[in-house]
Amino acid sequence: MTEDDGRPPTDRESPVGEPVVRGDERVTGDHARDAVAFDPGNPESVAEAADTVAAFARNELEDSHLHVLRGAAACAALVRAVGSYKAAAERAGEGVGVSFIRKWARVHDLPRAVREHVARGAIPPSAAKHIARIDGDDRYLLAWAVVDTDLTVRDVRAAASEVNDGRDVGDVLADLGVTPGELRLRLPPTVYRDLRRHASDLDRDPDDVVADALREYFSE
């Protein structure tokens, strides 16, 4: 899905292995200069990706969400280079399983907006790998629930499983005490004043006024 139909993409749009988030100073600050790119079409880069995946599987990468994203990028690039999860696991060497490659390659394929929250630490990598198990807009709804509430990784894992079993993500989140779309905002006093006045003039809830304004903003 792309933005051509007016909806945000639900999968990665940038090239596999590129440190689009990891290399963004706005997101990762000084760490951006250390971002490693993995090129599936370059044999030396593929070899580096295989070594990185092996180190990642052995927990030898630095223990940080940014290095988890590096490991995920290496997994995805290796899969792209060799053509399958099985071949990627074999290339990475002993101790690297197909399921390990698959789950972290999927994290690399999450849309940028979600990966940025992983890079900032707002979405734990252990939760991101479960968000990546589901498709479409449900990914966003589960991801933002993690950002905005106190869902645990166990909650996210269970939610992803239920969604994959066919349950509506809204119903699943409701069972966890989360209302999709509920967000606490802090507005400048003058904007708050005018919002309340405008909503009163229209005899509408402020929520509806804000929703209409945002729909118009995002459609431009």
N, C-alpha and C. Protein backbone atom coordinates (compact mmCIF):
# COMPACT_ATOMS: atom_id res chain seq x y z
N MET A 1 0.85 -1.19 0.00
CA MET A 1 0.00 0.00 0.00
C MET A 1 0.88 1.24 0.00
N THR A 2 0.54 2.22 -0.78
CA THR A 2 1.31 3.45 -0.85
C THR A 2 0.43 4.62 -0.53
N GLU A 3 1.03 5.80 -0.51
CA GLU A 3 0.27 6.99 -0.21
C GLU A 3 -0.57 7.45 -1.39
N ASP A 4 -0.48 6.75 -2.54
CA ASP A 4 -1.24 7.14 -3.71
C ASP A 4 -2.74 7.07 -3.45
N ASP A 5 -3.17 6.18 -2.57
CA ASP A 5 -4.60 6.06 -2.30
C ASP A 5 -5.01 6.85 -1.07
N GLY A 6 -4.13 7.75 -0.62
CA GLY A 6 -4.45 8.62 0.50
C GLY A 6 -4.22 7.98 1.85
N ARG A 7 -3.64 6.79 1.88
CA ARG A 7 -3.39 6.12 3.15
C ARG A 7 -1.90 5.88 3.30
N PRO A 8 -1.40 5.88 4.52
CA PRO A 8 0.04 5.70 4.72
C PRO A 8 0.47 4.29 4.37
N PRO A 9 1.72 4.12 3.95
CA PRO A 9 2.23 2.79 3.64
C PRO A 9 2.31 1.93 4.89
N THR A 10 2.02 0.65 4.74
CA THR A 10 2.07 -0.24 5.91
C THR A 10 3.27 -1.18 5.85
N ASP A 11 4.12 -1.00 4.84
CA ASP A 11 5.36 -1.77 4.73
C ASP A 11 6.51 -0.82 4.43
N ARG A 12 7.70 -1.33 4.49
CA ARG A 12 8.89 -0.54 4.19
C ARG A 12 8.85 -0.07 2.74
N GLU A 13 9.23 1.18 2.52
CA GLU A 13 9.31 1.71 1.17
C GLU A 13 10.74 1.95 0.72
N SER A 14 11.67 2.16 1.67
CA SER A 14 13.06 2.43 1.33
C SER A 14 13.79 1.12 1.04
N PRO A 15 14.93 1.17 0.34
CA PRO A 15 15.66 -0.04 -0.04
C PRO A 15 16.05 -0.89 1.17
N VAL A 16 16.01 -2.20 0.98
CA VAL A 16 16.41 -3.14 2.04
C VAL A 16 17.86 -2.90 2.43
N GLY A 17 18.10 -2.82 3.73
CA GLY A 17 19.46 -2.66 4.23
C GLY A 17 19.92 -1.23 4.40
N GLU A 18 19.19 -0.28 3.82
CA GLU A 18 19.58 1.12 3.95
C GLU A 18 19.26 1.62 5.36
N PRO A 19 20.19 2.36 5.99
CA PRO A 19 19.96 2.87 7.36
C PRO A 19 19.16 4.17 7.35
N VAL A 20 17.96 4.09 6.81
CA VAL A 20 17.14 5.29 6.65
C VAL A 20 16.79 5.91 8.00
N VAL A 21 16.43 5.08 8.96
CA VAL A 21 16.13 5.55 10.31
C VAL A 21 17.39 5.63 11.15
N ARG A 22 18.19 4.56 11.11
CA ARG A 22 19.42 4.54 11.92
C ARG A 22 20.38 5.67 11.55
N GLY A 23 20.34 6.09 10.29
CA GLY A 23 21.24 7.13 9.84
C GLY A 23 20.65 8.53 9.86
N ASP A 24 19.48 8.68 10.47
CA ASP A 24 18.79 9.97 10.54
C ASP A 24 19.15 10.66 11.86
N GLU A 25 19.93 11.73 11.79
CA GLU A 25 20.35 12.43 13.02
C GLU A 25 19.16 12.96 13.80
N ARG A 26 18.08 13.28 13.10
CA ARG A 26 16.89 13.77 13.78
C ARG A 26 16.34 12.73 14.74
N VAL A 27 16.53 11.46 14.40
CA VAL A 27 15.99 10.36 15.21
C VAL A 27 17.04 9.81 16.17
N THR A 28 18.25 9.58 15.68
CA THR A 28 19.25 8.87 16.47
C THR A 28 20.42 9.74 16.93
N GLY A 29 20.39 11.02 16.59
CA GLY A 29 21.43 11.93 17.06
C GLY A 29 22.82 11.54 16.56
N ASP A 30 23.80 11.57 17.45
CA ASP A 30 25.19 11.29 17.09
C ASP A 30 25.40 9.85 16.62
N HIS A 31 24.47 8.97 16.99
CA HIS A 31 24.60 7.57 16.57
C HIS A 31 24.45 7.41 15.06
N ALA A 32 23.87 8.41 14.40
CA ALA A 32 23.60 8.29 12.96
C ALA A 32 24.88 8.08 12.17
N ARG A 33 25.98 8.68 12.61
CA ARG A 33 27.23 8.56 11.86
C ARG A 33 27.79 7.14 11.88
N ASP A 34 27.32 6.33 12.83
CA ASP A 34 27.80 4.95 12.92
C ASP A 34 26.87 3.95 12.22
N ALA A 35 25.84 4.46 11.57
CA ALA A 35 24.87 3.57 10.92
C ALA A 35 25.53 2.78 9.79
N VAL A 36 25.26 1.50 9.75
CA VAL A 36 25.84 0.61 8.75
C VAL A 36 24.78 0.25 7.71
N ALA A 37 25.17 0.38 6.43
CA ALA A 37 24.29 -0.01 5.34
C ALA A 37 24.65 -1.42 4.88
N PHE A 38 23.64 -2.18 4.48
CA PHE A 38 23.86 -3.51 3.94
C PHE A 38 23.27 -3.57 2.54
N ASP A 39 24.11 -3.85 1.56
CA ASP A 39 23.69 -3.88 0.16
C ASP A 39 23.56 -5.33 -0.30
N PRO A 40 22.33 -5.80 -0.54
CA PRO A 40 22.13 -7.20 -0.95
C PRO A 40 22.83 -7.55 -2.26
N GLY A 41 23.18 -6.54 -3.05
CA GLY A 41 23.82 -6.80 -4.32
C GLY A 41 25.33 -6.74 -4.29
N ASN A 42 25.90 -6.48 -3.13
CA ASN A 42 27.35 -6.36 -2.99
C ASN A 42 27.87 -7.53 -2.16
N PRO A 43 28.71 -8.39 -2.75
CA PRO A 43 29.17 -9.58 -2.02
C PRO A 43 29.86 -9.26 -0.70
N GLU A 44 30.67 -8.21 -0.65
CA GLU A 44 31.35 -7.86 0.60
C GLU A 44 30.34 -7.41 1.66
N SER A 45 29.35 -6.65 1.23
CA SER A 45 28.32 -6.20 2.16
C SER A 45 27.46 -7.36 2.64
N VAL A 46 27.21 -8.31 1.75
CA VAL A 46 26.43 -9.50 2.13
C VAL A 46 27.20 -10.31 3.17
N ALA A 47 28.52 -10.41 2.98
CA ALA A 47 29.34 -11.12 3.95
C ALA A 47 29.30 -10.43 5.31
N GLU A 48 29.32 -9.10 5.29
CA GLU A 48 29.22 -8.34 6.54
C GLU A 48 27.85 -8.56 7.18
N ALA A 49 26.82 -8.61 6.34
CA ALA A 49 25.47 -8.86 6.86
C ALA A 49 25.41 -10.23 7.53
N ALA A 50 26.01 -11.23 6.91
CA ALA A 50 26.01 -12.59 7.48
C ALA A 50 26.72 -12.61 8.83
N ASP A 51 27.86 -11.92 8.91
CA ASP A 51 28.59 -11.85 10.17
C ASP A 51 27.78 -11.11 11.24
N THR A 52 27.08 -10.07 10.82
CA THR A 52 26.26 -9.29 11.76
C THR A 52 25.10 -10.12 12.28
N VAL A 53 24.46 -10.87 11.38
CA VAL A 53 23.35 -11.74 11.79
C VAL A 53 23.85 -12.77 12.80
N ALA A 54 25.00 -13.36 12.53
CA ALA A 54 25.55 -14.37 13.45
C ALA A 54 25.83 -13.76 14.81
N ALA A 55 26.41 -12.56 14.82
CA ALA A 55 26.70 -11.88 16.10
C ALA A 55 25.40 -11.51 16.80
N PHE A 56 24.42 -11.08 16.03
CA PHE A 56 23.11 -10.72 16.57
C PHE A 56 22.46 -11.93 17.25
N ALA A 57 22.53 -13.08 16.59
CA ALA A 57 21.93 -14.30 17.14
C ALA A 57 22.64 -14.74 18.41
N ARG A 58 23.93 -14.43 18.52
CA ARG A 58 24.69 -14.81 19.71
C ARG A 58 24.66 -13.74 20.79
N ASN A 59 23.85 -12.70 20.58
CA ASN A 59 23.76 -11.58 21.52
C ASN A 59 25.10 -10.87 21.71
N GLU A 60 25.85 -10.78 20.61
CA GLU A 60 27.15 -10.13 20.68
C GLU A 60 27.13 -8.70 20.17
N LEU A 61 26.00 -8.23 19.66
CA LEU A 61 25.87 -6.83 19.31
C LEU A 61 25.61 -6.04 20.58
N GLU A 62 25.94 -4.77 20.55
CA GLU A 62 25.68 -3.93 21.72
C GLU A 62 24.20 -3.97 22.07
N ASP A 63 23.91 -4.01 23.35
CA ASP A 63 22.53 -4.15 23.82
C ASP A 63 21.82 -2.81 23.78
N SER A 64 21.32 -2.48 22.59
CA SER A 64 20.56 -1.24 22.44
C SER A 64 19.57 -1.42 21.30
N HIS A 65 18.50 -0.62 21.33
CA HIS A 65 17.48 -0.74 20.28
C HIS A 65 18.04 -0.40 18.91
N LEU A 66 19.04 0.48 18.83
CA LEU A 66 19.64 0.82 17.54
C LEU A 66 20.41 -0.35 16.96
N HIS A 67 21.12 -1.08 17.81
CA HIS A 67 21.85 -2.24 17.32
C HIS A 67 20.91 -3.38 16.98
N VAL A 68 19.76 -3.43 17.61
CA VAL A 68 18.75 -4.40 17.21
C VAL A 68 18.27 -4.09 15.80
N LEU A 69 18.06 -2.80 15.51
CA LEU A 69 17.66 -2.41 14.16
C LEU A 69 18.76 -2.74 13.15
N ARG A 70 20.01 -2.60 13.56
CA ARG A 70 21.11 -2.98 12.66
C ARG A 70 21.05 -4.48 12.39
N GLY A 71 20.83 -5.28 13.44
CA GLY A 71 20.72 -6.72 13.24
C GLY A 71 19.55 -7.09 12.36
N ALA A 72 18.43 -6.38 12.54
CA ALA A 72 17.25 -6.63 11.71
C ALA A 72 17.53 -6.30 10.25
N ALA A 73 18.25 -5.20 10.02
CA ALA A 73 18.61 -4.82 8.65
C ALA A 73 19.51 -5.87 8.01
N ALA A 74 20.43 -6.40 8.80
CA ALA A 74 21.32 -7.43 8.29
C ALA A 74 20.53 -8.69 7.92
N CYS A 75 19.55 -9.05 8.74
CA CYS A 75 18.71 -10.21 8.44
C CYS A 75 17.97 -10.02 7.12
N ALA A 76 17.35 -8.84 6.96
CA ALA A 76 16.57 -8.57 5.75
C ALA A 76 17.45 -8.55 4.51
N ALA A 77 18.63 -7.92 4.63
CA ALA A 77 19.53 -7.84 3.48
C ALA A 77 20.04 -9.22 3.09
N LEU A 78 20.33 -10.04 4.09
CA LEU A 78 20.83 -11.38 3.81
C LEU A 78 19.76 -12.22 3.11
N VAL A 79 18.53 -12.10 3.56
CA VAL A 79 17.42 -12.82 2.91
C VAL A 79 17.28 -12.37 1.46
N ARG A 80 17.33 -11.07 1.24
CA ARG A 80 17.20 -10.55 -0.12
C ARG A 80 18.36 -11.05 -1.00
N ALA A 81 19.55 -11.14 -0.43
CA ALA A 81 20.72 -11.54 -1.21
C ALA A 81 20.69 -13.01 -1.60
N VAL A 82 20.26 -13.88 -0.68
CA VAL A 82 20.35 -15.32 -0.94
C VAL A 82 19.02 -15.94 -1.35
N GLY A 83 17.92 -15.20 -1.17
CA GLY A 83 16.66 -15.63 -1.75
C GLY A 83 15.66 -16.33 -0.85
N SER A 84 16.05 -16.68 0.38
CA SER A 84 15.09 -17.34 1.26
C SER A 84 15.56 -17.25 2.70
N TYR A 85 14.62 -17.44 3.63
CA TYR A 85 14.98 -17.44 5.05
C TYR A 85 15.92 -18.61 5.36
N LYS A 86 15.63 -19.77 4.77
CA LYS A 86 16.44 -20.95 5.03
C LYS A 86 17.88 -20.74 4.57
N ALA A 87 18.02 -20.21 3.35
CA ALA A 87 19.37 -19.98 2.82
C ALA A 87 20.10 -18.93 3.64
N ALA A 88 19.35 -17.93 4.12
CA ALA A 88 19.97 -16.89 4.95
C ALA A 88 20.47 -17.48 6.27
N ALA A 89 19.69 -18.35 6.87
CA ALA A 89 20.11 -18.98 8.12
C ALA A 89 21.35 -19.83 7.90
N GLU A 90 21.38 -20.54 6.79
CA GLU A 90 22.55 -21.37 6.48
C GLU A 90 23.78 -20.51 6.26
N ARG A 91 23.60 -19.38 5.57
CA ARG A 91 24.74 -18.49 5.29
C ARG A 91 25.27 -17.86 6.58
N ALA A 92 24.37 -17.57 7.51
CA ALA A 92 24.80 -16.94 8.78
C ALA A 92 25.55 -17.93 9.66
N GLY A 93 25.29 -19.21 9.51
CA GLY A 93 26.07 -20.20 10.23
C GLY A 93 25.34 -20.86 11.39
N GLU A 94 26.06 -21.70 12.08
CA GLU A 94 25.50 -22.51 13.16
C GLU A 94 24.89 -21.65 14.26
N GLY A 95 23.74 -22.08 14.73
CA GLY A 95 23.08 -21.37 15.81
C GLY A 95 22.09 -20.32 15.36
N VAL A 96 22.00 -20.08 14.05
CA VAL A 96 21.05 -19.10 13.53
C VAL A 96 19.89 -19.85 12.89
N GLY A 97 18.70 -19.67 13.44
CA GLY A 97 17.54 -20.39 12.95
C GLY A 97 16.73 -19.60 11.96
N VAL A 98 15.91 -20.31 11.20
CA VAL A 98 15.03 -19.67 10.21
C VAL A 98 14.07 -18.70 10.90
N SER A 99 13.50 -19.12 12.04
CA SER A 99 12.53 -18.27 12.73
C SER A 99 13.18 -16.98 13.21
N PHE A 100 14.42 -17.05 13.64
CA PHE A 100 15.15 -15.84 14.06
C PHE A 100 15.30 -14.87 12.89
N ILE A 101 15.75 -15.38 11.76
CA ILE A 101 15.91 -14.54 10.56
C ILE A 101 14.58 -13.93 10.17
N ARG A 102 13.53 -14.75 10.15
CA ARG A 102 12.23 -14.28 9.68
C ARG A 102 11.68 -13.14 10.55
N LYS A 103 11.70 -13.33 11.87
CA LYS A 103 11.05 -12.33 12.73
C LYS A 103 11.77 -11.00 12.70
N TRP A 104 13.12 -11.01 12.60
CA TRP A 104 13.82 -9.72 12.59
C TRP A 104 13.83 -9.09 11.21
N ALA A 105 13.80 -9.87 10.15
CA ALA A 105 13.66 -9.30 8.81
C ALA A 105 12.31 -8.60 8.69
N ARG A 106 11.30 -9.15 9.32
CA ARG A 106 9.98 -8.51 9.30
C ARG A 106 10.01 -7.17 10.02
N VAL A 107 10.78 -7.08 11.11
CA VAL A 107 10.89 -5.79 11.81
C VAL A 107 11.51 -4.75 10.88
N HIS A 108 12.51 -5.16 10.12
CA HIS A 108 13.14 -4.24 9.17
C HIS A 108 12.14 -3.76 8.12
N ASP A 109 11.13 -4.58 7.84
CA ASP A 109 10.14 -4.24 6.81
C ASP A 109 8.96 -3.43 7.35
N LEU A 110 8.96 -3.11 8.64
CA LEU A 110 7.89 -2.26 9.17
C LEU A 110 7.97 -0.86 8.53
N PRO A 111 6.84 -0.14 8.47
CA PRO A 111 6.88 1.21 7.91
C PRO A 111 7.78 2.13 8.74
N ARG A 112 8.30 3.15 8.08
CA ARG A 112 9.28 4.03 8.72
C ARG A 112 8.75 4.65 10.02
N ALA A 113 7.50 5.07 10.03
CA ALA A 113 6.96 5.73 11.23
C ALA A 113 7.07 4.82 12.44
N VAL A 114 6.86 3.53 12.24
CA VAL A 114 6.96 2.59 13.36
C VAL A 114 8.42 2.36 13.72
N ARG A 115 9.27 2.20 12.72
CA ARG A 115 10.70 1.96 12.99
C ARG A 115 11.32 3.15 13.73
N GLU A 116 10.85 4.35 13.45
CA GLU A 116 11.39 5.51 14.15
C GLU A 116 11.10 5.43 15.64
N HIS A 117 9.93 4.94 16.01
CA HIS A 117 9.61 4.80 17.43
C HIS A 117 10.43 3.69 18.08
N VAL A 118 10.79 2.68 17.29
CA VAL A 118 11.70 1.65 17.81
C VAL A 118 13.07 2.28 18.05
N ALA A 119 13.54 3.08 17.09
CA ALA A 119 14.85 3.72 17.22
C ALA A 119 14.91 4.66 18.41
N ARG A 120 13.80 5.30 18.72
CA ARG A 120 13.76 6.24 19.85
C ARG A 120 13.55 5.53 21.18
N GLY A 121 13.23 4.25 21.13
CA GLY A 121 13.02 3.50 22.36
C GLY A 121 11.59 3.51 22.85
N ALA A 122 10.67 4.12 22.08
CA ALA A 122 9.27 4.17 22.50
C ALA A 122 8.55 2.84 22.27
N ILE A 123 9.02 2.06 21.30
CA ILE A 123 8.50 0.72 21.06
C ILE A 123 9.66 -0.26 21.28
N PRO A 124 9.58 -1.11 22.28
CA PRO A 124 10.67 -2.07 22.50
C PRO A 124 10.83 -3.00 21.30
N PRO A 125 12.05 -3.33 20.93
CA PRO A 125 12.24 -4.26 19.81
C PRO A 125 11.49 -5.57 20.00
N SER A 126 11.40 -6.04 21.24
CA SER A 126 10.69 -7.29 21.51
C SER A 126 9.19 -7.16 21.24
N ALA A 127 8.67 -5.92 21.30
CA ALA A 127 7.27 -5.69 20.92
C ALA A 127 7.17 -5.51 19.41
N ALA A 128 8.17 -4.87 18.81
CA ALA A 128 8.15 -4.61 17.37
C ALA A 128 8.07 -5.91 16.57
N LYS A 129 8.74 -6.96 17.05
CA LYS A 129 8.74 -8.20 16.28
C LYS A 129 7.34 -8.83 16.28
N HIS A 130 6.51 -8.53 17.28
CA HIS A 130 5.13 -9.03 17.26
C HIS A 130 4.23 -8.12 16.43
N ILE A 131 4.47 -6.82 16.47
CA ILE A 131 3.74 -5.90 15.59
C ILE A 131 3.96 -6.29 14.14
N ALA A 132 5.19 -6.70 13.82
CA ALA A 132 5.53 -7.06 12.44
C ALA A 132 4.86 -8.34 11.98
N ARG A 133 4.28 -9.10 12.90
CA ARG A 133 3.59 -10.34 12.53
C ARG A 133 2.24 -10.08 11.87
N ILE A 134 1.70 -8.89 12.04
CA ILE A 134 0.38 -8.60 11.46
C ILE A 134 0.55 -7.61 10.30
N ASP A 135 -0.49 -7.49 9.49
CA ASP A 135 -0.40 -6.72 8.26
C ASP A 135 -1.32 -5.50 8.27
N GLY A 136 -1.10 -4.65 7.28
CA GLY A 136 -2.00 -3.53 7.03
C GLY A 136 -2.06 -2.50 8.14
N ASP A 137 -3.18 -1.78 8.19
CA ASP A 137 -3.35 -0.72 9.17
C ASP A 137 -3.33 -1.23 10.60
N ASP A 138 -3.62 -2.52 10.78
CA ASP A 138 -3.58 -3.08 12.14
C ASP A 138 -2.21 -2.89 12.77
N ARG A 139 -1.17 -2.88 11.95
CA ARG A 139 0.18 -2.65 12.45
C ARG A 139 0.27 -1.30 13.17
N TYR A 140 -0.26 -0.29 12.52
CA TYR A 140 -0.22 1.05 13.11
C TYR A 140 -1.02 1.10 14.41
N LEU A 141 -2.22 0.53 14.39
CA LEU A 141 -3.07 0.61 15.58
C LEU A 141 -2.42 -0.07 16.78
N LEU A 142 -1.76 -1.20 16.53
CA LEU A 142 -1.09 -1.90 17.63
C LEU A 142 0.17 -1.13 18.04
N ALA A 143 0.90 -0.60 17.07
CA ALA A 143 2.12 0.16 17.39
C ALA A 143 1.80 1.40 18.21
N TRP A 144 0.79 2.14 17.81
CA TRP A 144 0.47 3.38 18.55
C TRP A 144 -0.11 3.06 19.92
N ALA A 145 -0.74 1.90 20.05
CA ALA A 145 -1.21 1.48 21.38
C ALA A 145 -0.03 1.27 22.30
N VAL A 146 1.08 0.72 21.76
CA VAL A 146 2.28 0.53 22.56
C VAL A 146 2.87 1.88 22.97
N VAL A 147 2.89 2.82 22.03
CA VAL A 147 3.46 4.14 22.30
C VAL A 147 2.64 4.91 23.32
N ASP A 148 1.33 4.82 23.22
CA ASP A 148 0.44 5.69 24.02
C ASP A 148 -0.03 5.08 25.33
N THR A 149 0.17 3.79 25.52
CA THR A 149 -0.34 3.15 26.74
C THR A 149 0.77 2.32 27.39
N ASP A 150 0.38 1.57 28.40
CA ASP A 150 1.37 0.76 29.12
C ASP A 150 1.26 -0.72 28.77
N LEU A 151 0.94 -1.02 27.50
CA LEU A 151 0.89 -2.41 27.08
C LEU A 151 2.25 -3.08 27.29
N THR A 152 2.22 -4.30 27.75
CA THR A 152 3.44 -5.07 27.93
C THR A 152 3.76 -5.84 26.64
N VAL A 153 4.96 -6.35 26.56
CA VAL A 153 5.33 -7.18 25.41
C VAL A 153 4.43 -8.42 25.36
N ARG A 154 4.09 -8.95 26.51
CA ARG A 154 3.18 -10.10 26.54
C ARG A 154 1.82 -9.72 25.96
N ASP A 155 1.33 -8.52 26.29
CA ASP A 155 0.07 -8.04 25.73
C ASP A 155 0.15 -7.95 24.21
N VAL A 156 1.25 -7.39 23.72
CA VAL A 156 1.43 -7.21 22.27
C VAL A 156 1.49 -8.55 21.57
N ARG A 157 2.21 -9.49 22.15
CA ARG A 157 2.30 -10.83 21.56
C ARG A 157 0.93 -11.49 21.48
N ALA A 158 0.16 -11.40 22.56
CA ALA A 158 -1.17 -12.00 22.57
C ALA A 158 -2.09 -11.30 21.58
N ALA A 159 -1.99 -9.97 21.51
CA ALA A 159 -2.83 -9.21 20.59
C ALA A 159 -2.54 -9.58 19.15
N ALA A 160 -1.26 -9.68 18.80
CA ALA A 160 -0.88 -10.04 17.43
C ALA A 160 -1.41 -11.42 17.08
N SER A 161 -1.35 -12.36 18.02
CA SER A 161 -1.84 -13.71 17.76
C SER A 161 -3.35 -13.70 17.51
N GLU A 162 -4.08 -12.92 18.30
CA GLU A 162 -5.53 -12.86 18.13
C GLU A 162 -5.92 -12.21 16.82
N VAL A 163 -5.21 -11.16 16.44
CA VAL A 163 -5.48 -10.51 15.16
C VAL A 163 -5.21 -11.47 14.01
N ASN A 164 -4.12 -12.22 14.10
CA ASN A 164 -3.81 -13.20 13.05
C ASN A 164 -4.82 -14.34 13.02
N ASP A 165 -5.50 -14.55 14.13
CA ASP A 165 -6.55 -15.57 14.17
C ASP A 165 -7.88 -15.05 13.63
N GLY A 166 -7.91 -13.76 13.23
CA GLY A 166 -9.10 -13.22 12.59
C GLY A 166 -9.90 -12.23 13.40
N ARG A 167 -9.49 -11.94 14.64
CA ARG A 167 -10.23 -10.97 15.45
C ARG A 167 -9.92 -9.55 15.01
N ASP A 168 -10.89 -8.68 15.17
CA ASP A 168 -10.71 -7.27 14.87
C ASP A 168 -9.74 -6.64 15.87
N VAL A 169 -8.79 -5.86 15.37
CA VAL A 169 -7.77 -5.30 16.25
C VAL A 169 -8.39 -4.36 17.29
N GLY A 170 -9.47 -3.67 16.93
CA GLY A 170 -10.13 -2.79 17.88
C GLY A 170 -10.72 -3.56 19.05
N ASP A 171 -11.31 -4.71 18.75
CA ASP A 171 -11.88 -5.54 19.81
C ASP A 171 -10.78 -6.11 20.70
N VAL A 172 -9.69 -6.51 20.06
CA VAL A 172 -8.56 -7.07 20.83
C VAL A 172 -8.00 -6.03 21.78
N LEU A 173 -7.80 -4.82 21.27
CA LEU A 173 -7.25 -3.76 22.12
C LEU A 173 -8.23 -3.36 23.22
N ALA A 174 -9.52 -3.38 22.90
CA ALA A 174 -10.52 -3.05 23.91
C ALA A 174 -10.45 -4.02 25.08
N ASP A 175 -10.21 -5.29 24.79
CA ASP A 175 -10.06 -6.29 25.85
C ASP A 175 -8.86 -5.99 26.74
N LEU A 176 -7.90 -5.26 26.19
CA LEU A 176 -6.70 -4.90 26.95
C LEU A 176 -6.83 -3.51 27.60
N GLY A 177 -8.03 -2.94 27.51
CA GLY A 177 -8.27 -1.63 28.12
C GLY A 177 -7.79 -0.47 27.29
N VAL A 178 -7.57 -0.68 26.00
CA VAL A 178 -7.08 0.37 25.10
C VAL A 178 -8.17 0.75 24.11
N THR A 179 -8.40 2.04 23.93
CA THR A 179 -9.36 2.53 22.95
C THR A 179 -8.59 3.13 21.78
N PRO A 180 -8.56 2.45 20.63
CA PRO A 180 -7.85 3.02 19.48
C PRO A 180 -8.39 4.40 19.12
N GLY A 181 -7.50 5.35 18.94
CA GLY A 181 -7.92 6.71 18.61
C GLY A 181 -8.00 7.62 19.81
N GLU A 182 -7.89 7.07 21.01
CA GLU A 182 -7.93 7.90 22.20
C GLU A 182 -6.52 8.41 22.50
N LEU A 183 -6.38 9.72 22.51
CA LEU A 183 -5.07 10.33 22.66
C LEU A 183 -5.20 11.62 23.47
N ARG A 184 -4.36 11.77 24.47
CA ARG A 184 -4.37 12.99 25.26
C ARG A 184 -3.44 14.00 24.62
N LEU A 185 -3.96 15.18 24.32
CA LEU A 185 -3.18 16.22 23.68
C LEU A 185 -3.02 17.43 24.60
N ARG A 186 -1.93 18.13 24.44
CA ARG A 186 -1.72 19.39 25.14
C ARG A 186 -1.64 20.50 24.10
N LEU A 187 -2.57 21.44 24.16
CA LEU A 187 -2.65 22.52 23.19
C LEU A 187 -2.23 23.84 23.81
N PRO A 188 -1.71 24.77 22.98
CA PRO A 188 -1.47 26.12 23.49
C PRO A 188 -2.78 26.70 24.00
N PRO A 189 -2.77 27.47 25.07
CA PRO A 189 -4.01 28.00 25.64
C PRO A 189 -4.90 28.70 24.63
N THR A 190 -4.31 29.46 23.71
CA THR A 190 -5.15 30.19 22.74
C THR A 190 -5.82 29.23 21.76
N VAL A 191 -5.11 28.17 21.38
CA VAL A 191 -5.70 27.18 20.47
C VAL A 191 -6.81 26.42 21.20
N TYR A 192 -6.56 26.09 22.45
CA TYR A 192 -7.58 25.40 23.25
C TYR A 192 -8.82 26.28 23.39
N ARG A 193 -8.60 27.57 23.65
CA ARG A 193 -9.72 28.51 23.78
C ARG A 193 -10.55 28.53 22.51
N ASP A 194 -9.87 28.64 21.36
CA ASP A 194 -10.58 28.77 20.09
C ASP A 194 -11.26 27.45 19.69
N LEU A 195 -10.63 26.33 20.04
CA LEU A 195 -11.25 25.04 19.75
C LEU A 195 -12.54 24.89 20.52
N ARG A 196 -12.51 25.20 21.79
CA ARG A 196 -13.71 25.09 22.62
C ARG A 196 -14.80 26.03 22.12
N ARG A 197 -14.41 27.24 21.77
CA ARG A 197 -15.40 28.21 21.30
C ARG A 197 -16.02 27.74 19.98
N HIS A 198 -15.16 27.28 19.07
CA HIS A 198 -15.66 26.84 17.77
C HIS A 198 -16.57 25.63 17.90
N ALA A 199 -16.19 24.69 18.75
CA ALA A 199 -17.02 23.50 18.96
C ALA A 199 -18.36 23.89 19.56
N SER A 200 -18.34 24.86 20.48
CA SER A 200 -19.58 25.31 21.09
C SER A 200 -20.49 25.98 20.07
N ASP A 201 -19.88 26.80 19.20
CA ASP A 201 -20.67 27.48 18.17
C ASP A 201 -21.34 26.48 17.23
N LEU A 202 -20.65 25.37 16.96
CA LEU A 202 -21.19 24.35 16.06
C LEU A 202 -22.05 23.32 16.77
N ASP A 203 -22.08 23.39 18.11
CA ASP A 203 -22.78 22.41 18.92
C ASP A 203 -22.24 21.01 18.64
N ARG A 204 -20.92 20.91 18.63
CA ARG A 204 -20.26 19.64 18.38
C ARG A 204 -19.21 19.39 19.45
N ASP A 205 -18.79 18.12 19.57
CA ASP A 205 -17.72 17.79 20.49
C ASP A 205 -16.38 18.26 19.93
N PRO A 206 -15.48 18.72 20.78
CA PRO A 206 -14.15 19.10 20.30
C PRO A 206 -13.45 17.97 19.56
N ASP A 207 -13.68 16.72 19.98
CA ASP A 207 -13.07 15.58 19.29
C ASP A 207 -13.43 15.58 17.81
N ASP A 208 -14.71 15.83 17.50
CA ASP A 208 -15.16 15.81 16.11
C ASP A 208 -14.55 16.96 15.31
N VAL A 209 -14.43 18.12 15.94
CA VAL A 209 -13.84 19.27 15.26
C VAL A 209 -12.38 19.00 14.93
N VAL A 210 -11.65 18.45 15.89
CA VAL A 210 -10.24 18.13 15.65
C VAL A 210 -10.11 17.06 14.58
N ALA A 211 -10.96 16.04 14.62
CA ALA A 211 -10.91 14.96 13.64
C ALA A 211 -11.14 15.50 12.23
N ASP A 212 -12.13 16.38 12.07
CA ASP A 212 -12.40 16.97 10.76
C ASP A 212 -11.23 17.80 10.27
N ALA A 213 -10.64 18.57 11.19
CA ALA A 213 -9.51 19.41 10.81
C ALA A 213 -8.31 18.55 10.39
N LEU A 214 -8.08 17.47 11.09
CA LEU A 214 -6.95 16.60 10.75
C LEU A 214 -7.21 15.85 9.43
N ARG A 215 -8.44 15.42 9.20
CA ARG A 215 -8.73 14.77 7.94
C ARG A 215 -8.43 15.71 6.77
N GLU A 216 -8.83 16.95 6.92
CA GLU A 216 -8.57 17.93 5.85
C GLU A 216 -7.07 18.17 5.69
N TYR A 217 -6.37 18.24 6.82
CA TYR A 217 -4.92 18.47 6.79
C TYR A 217 -4.20 17.32 6.08
N PHE A 218 -4.56 16.08 6.41
CA PHE A 218 -3.88 14.92 5.83
C PHE A 218 -4.27 14.68 4.37
N SER A 219 -5.42 15.22 3.95
CA SER A 219 -5.84 15.02 2.56
C SER A 219 -5.18 16.02 1.61
N GLU A 220 -4.54 17.03 2.15
CA GLU A 220 -3.92 18.05 1.28
C GLU A 220 -2.64 17.51 0.65
